[in-house]
Amino acid sequence: MAGNNPWGSGGDGSSGSGNDGDGAKGSSGGDKGKGPRNPWLPPGSGGGDGRRGPNIEDIFKNRGPEGPRRKGGGPGGPGFQFPQRPGGKSWFPVFVVGIIGLGLLATSVHLIGPQQKAVVKTLGNYTRTMDSGLQFSAPFPFETVDVEDVEGVRPIRIPGNNNQAKLILTGDQNLVDLSYIVRWNIKDLADYKFRVVDPEETVNDAAEAAMRASVAEKNLDETFSGQGRAAIELDVRERMQATLDGYRAGIRVLGVEIEKADPPSQVVDAFRDVQVAEQNADAARNQARGYAQQVLSQAEGEAEAFDKVYEQYRLAPEVTRQRLYYETMERVLSKTDKTIVETDGVTTYLPLPEVRRRSQQAQPTTTVTAPGGQ
């Protein structure tokens, strides 16, 4: 096949043109017996015949730390090298060991606040509890430390949305809409971390159960009154604490506060009418009790006065009888419109008030005219 041979001069003596391994242009005659050029060698490598075998140094010559790709550039860029120690060794191992040491130190020293405690897990298992202050542990990952605030007050509002109704049945078969807040903190950190899956959900469920049980023992009026609500709050707190201690949840209930105690929204108008009727009934009962107390007091006073008169009557019957007669006649005659005269020759009954009225009506009316008047 005629043409240029890409492998250089062949063994049959045919000539070809092109660059050999050294970049020199081959002659038309070529060198006989040299064989084809090795295409895997870079230009300029090896002898003029281009038949030298590949060398590992040639492959990585331009890729090592001293190669042309690492030469030049500023600090941190191409050609950057760590400074050497006086003995000629590199500082890189020292730098790596220092970073590892700082990491181990940071995971071994713990500063725990005054309101905090920490649980220590060794290879995933709980081993101990750390109190406040400067504490030490094995480095990560041998020991892990979980710090938690144990003194802070944590509130839970039930229900979470103020517009959401929480209807609870009272002891007299009425429904009441209650919203309340439970405040709690951590009593035992180890139990809090490892005894319950979700502590907040546990507190929420215990509060709802305790509130329903407590309200079921009260009637509707006691639920709305201030004293009844205080009794419910105390009872709910005690029930919750007993339940959580039974679970070993490591939680302390600080208090329960009822924010709202209203009738259901569907029956608010009817409930208000009932309240107004009850208030009117209470007012009528109070008025009747006041009148009864007044009549009773008056009767008791009259009975006491009669007893005193009777004591005097027993001592002097005639005088007392006459005195009673005079007082009675004076009281009766003072209210009549007549006069009794006990004189000889005079009619015993004179309608003097009637005569006086008639005389006043019979008198002519006198008209006074001013001087110069018409």
Protein backbone atom coordinates (compact mmCIF):
# COMPACT_ATOMS: atom_id res chain seq x y z
CA MET A 1 0.00 0.00 0.00
CA ALA A 2 1.57 3.22 -1.11
CA GLY A 3 1.79 6.32 1.11
CA ASN A 4 3.42 7.53 4.29
CA ASN A 5 3.85 5.01 7.10
CA PRO A 6 2.74 6.46 10.49
CA TRP A 7 5.06 4.10 12.28
CA GLY A 8 8.17 5.35 10.57
CA SER A 9 10.46 3.34 8.31
CA GLY A 10 9.41 -0.28 7.94
CA GLY A 11 11.60 -3.28 7.89
CA ASP A 12 11.08 -3.75 4.17
CA GLY A 13 13.02 -0.63 3.35
CA SER A 14 10.11 1.52 2.28
CA SER A 15 10.53 5.18 2.98
CA GLY A 16 8.15 7.55 4.72
CA SER A 17 8.07 11.13 5.90
CA GLY A 18 7.21 12.38 9.34
CA ASN A 19 8.67 13.22 12.74
CA ASP A 20 10.43 10.50 14.70
CA GLY A 21 10.64 10.23 18.48
CA ASP A 22 13.11 13.17 18.60
CA GLY A 23 11.01 15.42 16.41
CA ALA A 24 13.51 15.22 13.52
CA LYS A 25 12.20 14.94 10.00
CA GLY A 26 13.00 11.54 8.53
CA SER A 27 14.77 11.27 5.19
CA SER A 28 13.21 9.69 2.17
CA GLY A 29 15.67 6.92 2.37
CA GLY A 30 15.09 6.28 6.13
CA ASP A 31 17.14 3.96 8.29
CA LYS A 32 16.71 0.42 7.42
CA GLY A 33 16.30 -2.19 10.19
CA LYS A 34 15.18 0.24 12.93
CA GLY A 35 11.55 -0.86 13.02
CA PRO A 36 8.43 1.29 13.83
CA ARG A 37 8.45 4.16 16.35
CA ASN A 38 6.74 3.56 19.76
CA PRO A 39 3.60 5.80 19.72
CA TRP A 40 3.15 5.67 23.54
CA LEU A 41 6.36 7.59 24.19
CA PRO A 42 6.10 11.41 24.43
CA PRO A 43 7.94 13.36 21.77
CA GLY A 44 11.61 13.88 22.47
CA SER A 45 11.98 10.90 24.82
CA GLY A 46 14.36 8.03 24.25
CA GLY A 47 16.85 7.63 21.46
CA GLY A 48 16.61 8.58 17.90
CA ASP A 49 15.16 5.27 16.96
CA GLY A 50 12.15 5.78 19.25
CA ARG A 51 12.10 2.12 20.27
CA ARG A 52 12.93 2.51 24.01
CA GLY A 53 10.37 0.84 26.30
CA PRO A 54 8.03 2.90 28.56
CA ASN A 55 9.45 3.99 31.89
CA ILE A 56 7.37 4.66 35.07
CA GLU A 57 9.40 7.80 35.66
CA ASP A 58 8.35 9.11 32.26
CA ILE A 59 4.64 8.51 33.04
CA PHE A 60 4.65 10.39 36.37
CA LYS A 61 7.33 12.86 35.44
CA ASN A 62 4.91 15.71 34.93
CA ARG A 63 2.55 14.72 37.76
CA GLY A 64 4.72 14.48 40.86
CA PRO A 65 5.15 17.20 43.50
CA GLU A 66 8.17 18.46 41.60
CA GLY A 67 6.43 18.32 38.21
CA PRO A 68 5.61 21.35 36.06
CA ARG A 69 1.97 21.33 37.29
CA ARG A 70 3.10 22.12 40.86
CA LYS A 71 5.62 24.74 39.89
CA GLY A 72 4.86 28.41 40.21
CA GLY A 73 1.91 30.04 41.98
CA GLY A 74 1.64 31.81 45.32
CA PRO A 75 1.13 30.47 48.86
CA GLY A 76 -1.77 28.04 49.10
CA GLY A 77 -1.91 27.76 45.33
CA PRO A 78 0.01 25.63 42.87
CA GLY A 79 3.47 24.96 44.11
CA PHE A 80 2.57 25.45 47.81
CA GLN A 81 4.66 23.36 50.22
CA PHE A 82 4.63 23.11 54.03
CA PRO A 83 7.69 24.62 55.66
CA GLN A 84 10.26 22.12 56.81
CA ARG A 85 11.52 21.56 60.32
CA PRO A 86 15.20 22.06 61.16
CA GLY A 87 15.84 18.35 60.66
CA GLY A 88 14.48 18.57 57.13
CA LYS A 89 11.17 16.88 57.94
CA SER A 90 7.77 18.36 57.11
CA TRP A 91 5.47 20.11 59.62
CA PHE A 92 2.38 18.49 58.10
CA PRO A 93 2.22 15.49 60.49
CA VAL A 94 2.62 17.82 63.46
CA PHE A 95 -0.20 20.00 62.15
CA VAL A 96 -2.52 17.00 61.73
CA VAL A 97 -1.72 15.66 65.21
CA GLY A 98 -2.41 19.11 66.70
CA ILE A 99 -5.84 19.34 65.08
CA ILE A 100 -6.73 15.88 66.34
CA GLY A 101 -5.55 16.79 69.83
CA LEU A 102 -7.63 19.97 69.90
CA GLY A 103 -10.69 17.98 68.80
CA LEU A 104 -10.17 15.41 71.54
CA LEU A 105 -9.69 18.16 74.12
CA ALA A 106 -12.83 19.99 73.03
CA THR A 107 -14.93 16.83 73.40
CA SER A 108 -13.40 15.95 76.78
CA VAL A 109 -13.89 19.22 78.73
CA HIS A 110 -17.41 20.43 79.51
CA LEU A 111 -18.55 23.60 81.29
CA ILE A 112 -22.08 22.97 82.65
CA GLY A 113 -24.17 25.94 83.75
CA PRO A 114 -25.70 26.41 87.22
CA GLN A 115 -29.20 25.40 86.04
CA GLN A 116 -27.97 22.52 83.91
CA LYS A 117 -27.03 18.88 84.24
CA ALA A 118 -25.66 16.40 81.72
CA VAL A 119 -25.96 12.69 81.04
CA VAL A 120 -22.92 10.73 79.87
CA LYS A 121 -23.21 7.80 77.49
CA THR A 122 -20.26 5.45 77.05
CA LEU A 123 -20.39 3.75 73.67
CA GLY A 124 -24.13 4.47 73.56
CA ASN A 125 -24.99 3.26 77.10
CA TYR A 126 -25.88 5.59 79.98
CA THR A 127 -23.17 5.60 82.65
CA ARG A 128 -23.49 8.68 84.88
CA THR A 129 -24.90 12.19 85.38
CA MET A 130 -22.77 15.32 85.55
CA ASP A 131 -23.64 18.21 87.87
CA SER A 132 -22.96 21.90 87.33
CA GLY A 133 -19.37 23.13 86.94
CA LEU A 134 -16.28 22.08 85.00
CA GLN A 135 -16.52 18.37 84.15
CA PHE A 136 -14.37 15.95 82.16
CA SER A 137 -15.15 12.89 80.08
CA ALA A 138 -13.50 10.56 77.62
CA PRO A 139 -13.20 12.05 74.12
CA PHE A 140 -15.72 11.48 71.38
CA PRO A 141 -16.74 8.89 70.21
CA PHE A 142 -15.99 6.90 73.35
CA GLU A 143 -18.22 9.08 75.53
CA THR A 144 -20.94 11.54 74.51
CA VAL A 145 -22.33 14.23 76.81
CA ASP A 146 -25.88 15.60 76.52
CA VAL A 147 -26.48 18.84 78.50
CA GLU A 148 -30.03 19.81 79.55
CA ASP A 149 -31.60 22.69 81.50
CA VAL A 150 -33.25 21.10 84.56
CA GLU A 151 -34.34 24.21 86.49
CA GLY A 152 -36.07 26.17 83.73
CA VAL A 153 -39.88 26.30 83.80
CA ARG A 154 -41.52 24.74 80.74
CA PRO A 155 -45.16 25.66 80.06
CA ILE A 156 -47.67 23.61 78.08
CA ARG A 157 -50.97 25.21 77.00
CA ILE A 158 -53.98 22.91 76.63
CA PRO A 159 -55.46 23.21 74.08
CA GLY A 160 -52.61 24.60 72.03
CA ASN A 161 -54.92 26.95 70.12
CA ASN A 162 -57.02 29.39 72.16
CA ASN A 163 -59.79 29.26 69.56
CA GLN A 164 -60.05 25.49 69.92
CA ALA A 165 -62.70 24.21 72.34
CA LYS A 166 -61.83 21.65 75.02
CA LEU A 167 -65.16 20.34 76.30
CA ILE A 168 -65.12 18.46 79.63
CA LEU A 169 -68.08 16.80 81.35
CA THR A 170 -68.86 17.95 84.91
CA GLY A 171 -70.35 15.91 87.73
CA ASP A 172 -73.89 17.24 87.10
CA GLN A 173 -73.80 16.16 83.42
CA ASN A 174 -72.96 19.60 81.98
CA LEU A 175 -70.25 20.53 79.49
CA VAL A 176 -67.69 23.21 80.20
CA ASP A 177 -65.05 24.66 77.87
CA LEU A 178 -61.73 24.72 79.74
CA SER A 179 -58.29 26.01 78.75
CA TYR A 180 -55.38 25.77 81.16
CA ILE A 181 -51.57 25.94 81.43
CA VAL A 182 -49.31 23.30 83.00
CA ARG A 183 -45.86 24.41 84.21
CA TRP A 184 -43.17 21.78 84.82
CA ASN A 185 -39.44 21.14 84.89
CA ILE A 186 -37.02 18.20 85.08
CA LYS A 187 -36.69 16.35 88.38
CA ASP A 188 -34.45 13.43 87.33
CA LEU A 189 -32.48 13.94 84.11
CA ALA A 190 -31.65 10.26 83.58
CA ASP A 191 -35.30 9.19 83.83
CA TYR A 192 -36.34 12.16 81.69
CA LYS A 193 -33.93 11.15 78.92
CA PHE A 194 -34.32 7.39 78.89
CA ARG A 195 -37.68 6.44 80.48
CA VAL A 196 -40.15 8.18 78.17
CA VAL A 197 -40.02 8.67 74.42
CA ASP A 198 -41.72 12.09 74.24
CA PRO A 199 -41.79 13.90 77.63
CA GLU A 200 -43.95 16.82 76.45
CA GLU A 201 -46.57 14.50 74.99
CA THR A 202 -46.53 12.51 78.23
CA VAL A 203 -47.15 15.67 80.28
CA ASN A 204 -49.97 16.68 77.92
CA ASP A 205 -51.73 13.31 78.20
CA ALA A 206 -51.34 13.17 81.98
CA ALA A 207 -52.75 16.70 82.32
CA GLU A 208 -55.82 15.95 80.21
CA ALA A 209 -56.57 12.75 82.11
CA ALA A 210 -56.16 14.46 85.50
CA MET A 211 -58.29 17.46 84.48
CA ARG A 212 -61.17 15.31 83.24
CA ALA A 213 -61.11 13.20 86.39
CA SER A 214 -61.08 16.26 88.65
CA VAL A 215 -63.82 18.19 86.82
CA ALA A 216 -66.02 15.09 86.82
CA GLU A 217 -66.15 15.35 90.62
CA LYS A 218 -67.39 18.98 90.58
CA ASN A 219 -70.67 20.49 89.46
CA LEU A 220 -70.98 23.33 86.97
CA ASP A 221 -71.25 26.13 89.54
CA GLU A 222 -68.12 24.97 91.37
CA THR A 223 -66.22 24.88 88.08
CA PHE A 224 -67.08 28.53 87.39
CA SER A 225 -66.47 29.83 90.93
CA GLY A 226 -63.04 30.97 92.03
CA GLN A 227 -62.85 28.65 95.02
CA GLY A 228 -63.90 25.66 92.95
CA ARG A 229 -61.32 26.41 90.27
CA ALA A 230 -58.55 26.65 92.88
CA ALA A 231 -59.56 23.25 94.25
CA ILE A 232 -59.53 21.79 90.73
CA GLU A 233 -56.05 23.19 90.00
CA LEU A 234 -54.60 21.68 93.18
CA ASP A 235 -56.27 18.32 92.56
CA VAL A 236 -55.03 18.19 88.94
CA ARG A 237 -51.46 18.93 90.03
CA GLU A 238 -51.50 16.11 92.60
CA ARG A 239 -53.01 13.63 90.16
CA MET A 240 -50.48 14.52 87.46
CA GLN A 241 -47.51 14.16 89.80
CA ALA A 242 -48.71 10.76 90.98
CA THR A 243 -49.15 9.56 87.39
CA LEU A 244 -45.74 10.83 86.20
CA ASP A 245 -43.99 9.36 89.24
CA GLY A 246 -45.59 6.04 88.40
CA TYR A 247 -44.12 6.30 84.89
CA ARG A 248 -40.72 7.33 86.35
CA ALA A 249 -40.73 10.16 83.84
CA GLY A 250 -38.35 12.37 85.86
CA ILE A 251 -40.76 15.34 85.64
CA ARG A 252 -41.88 17.72 88.41
CA VAL A 253 -45.26 19.47 88.03
CA LEU A 254 -44.92 23.02 89.35
CA GLY A 255 -48.52 24.16 88.95
CA VAL A 256 -51.72 24.19 86.93
CA GLU A 257 -53.57 27.40 86.04
CA ILE A 258 -57.07 27.48 84.55
CA GLU A 259 -57.24 30.37 82.09
CA LYS A 260 -60.83 30.00 80.87
CA ALA A 261 -63.94 28.20 82.11
CA ASP A 262 -66.91 28.98 79.86
CA PRO A 263 -70.00 27.14 78.66
CA PRO A 264 -69.91 25.72 75.12
CA SER A 265 -70.30 28.36 72.42
CA GLN A 266 -73.45 26.68 71.07
CA VAL A 267 -75.40 27.26 74.31
CA VAL A 268 -73.94 30.54 75.54
CA ASP A 269 -77.20 32.51 75.12
CA ALA A 270 -79.31 29.88 76.88
CA PHE A 271 -76.74 29.61 79.63
CA ARG A 272 -76.84 33.37 80.18
CA ASP A 273 -80.64 33.27 80.41
CA VAL A 274 -80.36 30.55 83.03
CA GLN A 275 -77.82 32.61 84.96
CA VAL A 276 -80.12 35.67 84.89
CA ALA A 277 -83.05 33.57 86.13
CA GLU A 278 -80.93 32.11 88.90
CA GLN A 279 -79.79 35.59 89.95
CA ASN A 280 -83.41 36.84 90.03
CA ALA A 281 -84.42 33.83 92.08
CA ASP A 282 -81.57 34.46 94.50
CA ALA A 283 -82.61 38.12 94.82
CA ALA A 284 -86.24 37.12 95.54
CA ARG A 285 -85.14 34.59 98.12
CA ASN A 286 -82.90 37.12 99.80
CA GLN A 287 -85.76 39.67 99.90
CA ALA A 288 -88.13 37.09 101.40
CA ARG A 289 -85.55 36.15 104.01
CA GLY A 290 -85.10 39.82 104.92
CA TYR A 291 -88.84 40.39 105.33
CA ALA A 292 -89.22 37.25 107.40
CA GLN A 293 -86.35 38.34 109.62
CA GLN A 294 -87.94 41.77 110.07
CA VAL A 295 -91.37 40.33 111.03
CA LEU A 296 -89.74 37.85 113.36
CA SER A 297 -87.71 40.55 115.07
CA GLN A 298 -90.82 42.72 115.51
CA ALA A 299 -92.78 39.81 116.96
CA GLU A 300 -89.98 38.97 119.32
CA GLY A 301 -89.85 42.60 120.45
CA GLU A 302 -93.60 42.72 121.09
CA ALA A 303 -93.48 39.45 122.99
CA GLU A 304 -90.65 40.77 125.13
CA ALA A 305 -92.62 43.96 125.84
CA PHE A 306 -95.75 41.95 126.73
CA ASP A 307 -93.72 39.85 129.13
CA LYS A 308 -92.53 43.01 130.90
CA VAL A 309 -96.10 44.37 131.11
CA TYR A 310 -97.35 41.06 132.45
CA GLU A 311 -94.72 41.17 135.19
CA GLN A 312 -95.98 44.61 136.23
CA TYR A 313 -99.60 43.45 135.99
CA ARG A 314 -98.89 40.64 138.39
CA LEU A 315 -97.52 43.12 140.90
CA ALA A 316 -100.40 45.71 140.63
CA PRO A 317 -103.33 44.42 138.59
CA GLU A 318 -105.72 47.37 139.04
CA VAL A 319 -103.24 50.08 138.26
CA THR A 320 -101.89 48.20 135.30
CA ARG A 321 -105.36 47.53 133.95
CA GLN A 322 -106.32 51.21 134.19
CA ARG A 323 -103.08 52.28 132.59
CA LEU A 324 -103.62 49.87 129.72
CA TYR A 325 -107.14 51.19 129.26
CA TYR A 326 -105.96 54.79 129.05
CA GLU A 327 -103.19 53.99 126.64
CA THR A 328 -105.52 51.99 124.43
CA MET A 329 -108.21 54.71 124.36
CA GLU A 330 -105.58 57.33 123.63
CA ARG A 331 -104.25 55.32 120.75
CA VAL A 332 -107.74 54.66 119.32
CA LEU A 333 -109.28 58.11 119.79
CA SER A 334 -106.26 59.84 118.33
CA LYS A 335 -107.13 58.31 114.99
CA THR A 336 -110.93 59.22 115.00
CA ASP A 337 -112.63 62.37 113.71
CA LYS A 338 -114.94 63.13 116.69
CA THR A 339 -114.93 64.69 120.16
CA ILE A 340 -116.69 63.44 123.33
CA VAL A 341 -117.79 66.02 125.92
CA GLU A 342 -118.96 64.84 129.38
CA THR A 343 -120.79 68.01 130.59
CA ASP A 344 -124.42 68.35 131.67
CA GLY A 345 -126.73 69.98 129.14
CA VAL A 346 -124.47 69.42 126.17
CA THR A 347 -125.08 66.92 123.44
CA THR A 348 -122.68 64.11 123.85
CA TYR A 349 -121.67 64.18 120.20
CA LEU A 350 -120.63 67.28 118.36
CA PRO A 351 -119.34 67.00 114.83
CA LEU A 352 -116.92 69.82 115.44
CA PRO A 353 -114.57 69.07 112.54
CA GLU A 354 -117.50 68.93 110.14
CA VAL A 355 -118.89 72.24 111.48
CA ARG A 356 -115.48 73.81 111.04
CA ARG A 357 -115.26 72.70 107.43
CA ARG A 358 -118.75 74.03 106.65
CA SER A 359 -118.02 77.41 108.22
CA GLN A 360 -114.88 77.73 106.16
CA GLN A 361 -116.80 76.96 102.97
CA ALA A 362 -119.60 79.48 103.81
CA GLN A 363 -117.25 82.46 104.26
CA PRO A 364 -117.46 84.90 101.26
CA THR A 365 -114.41 85.33 99.14
CA THR A 366 -112.89 88.82 99.51
CA THR A 367 -111.35 90.36 96.42
CA VAL A 368 -108.68 93.04 96.92
CA THR A 369 -108.26 95.58 94.09
CA ALA A 370 -105.12 97.58 93.76
CA PRO A 371 -105.48 101.41 93.65
CA GLY A 372 -106.15 102.68 90.16
CA GLY A 373 -107.13 99.23 88.99
CA GLN A 374 -110.21 98.55 86.84
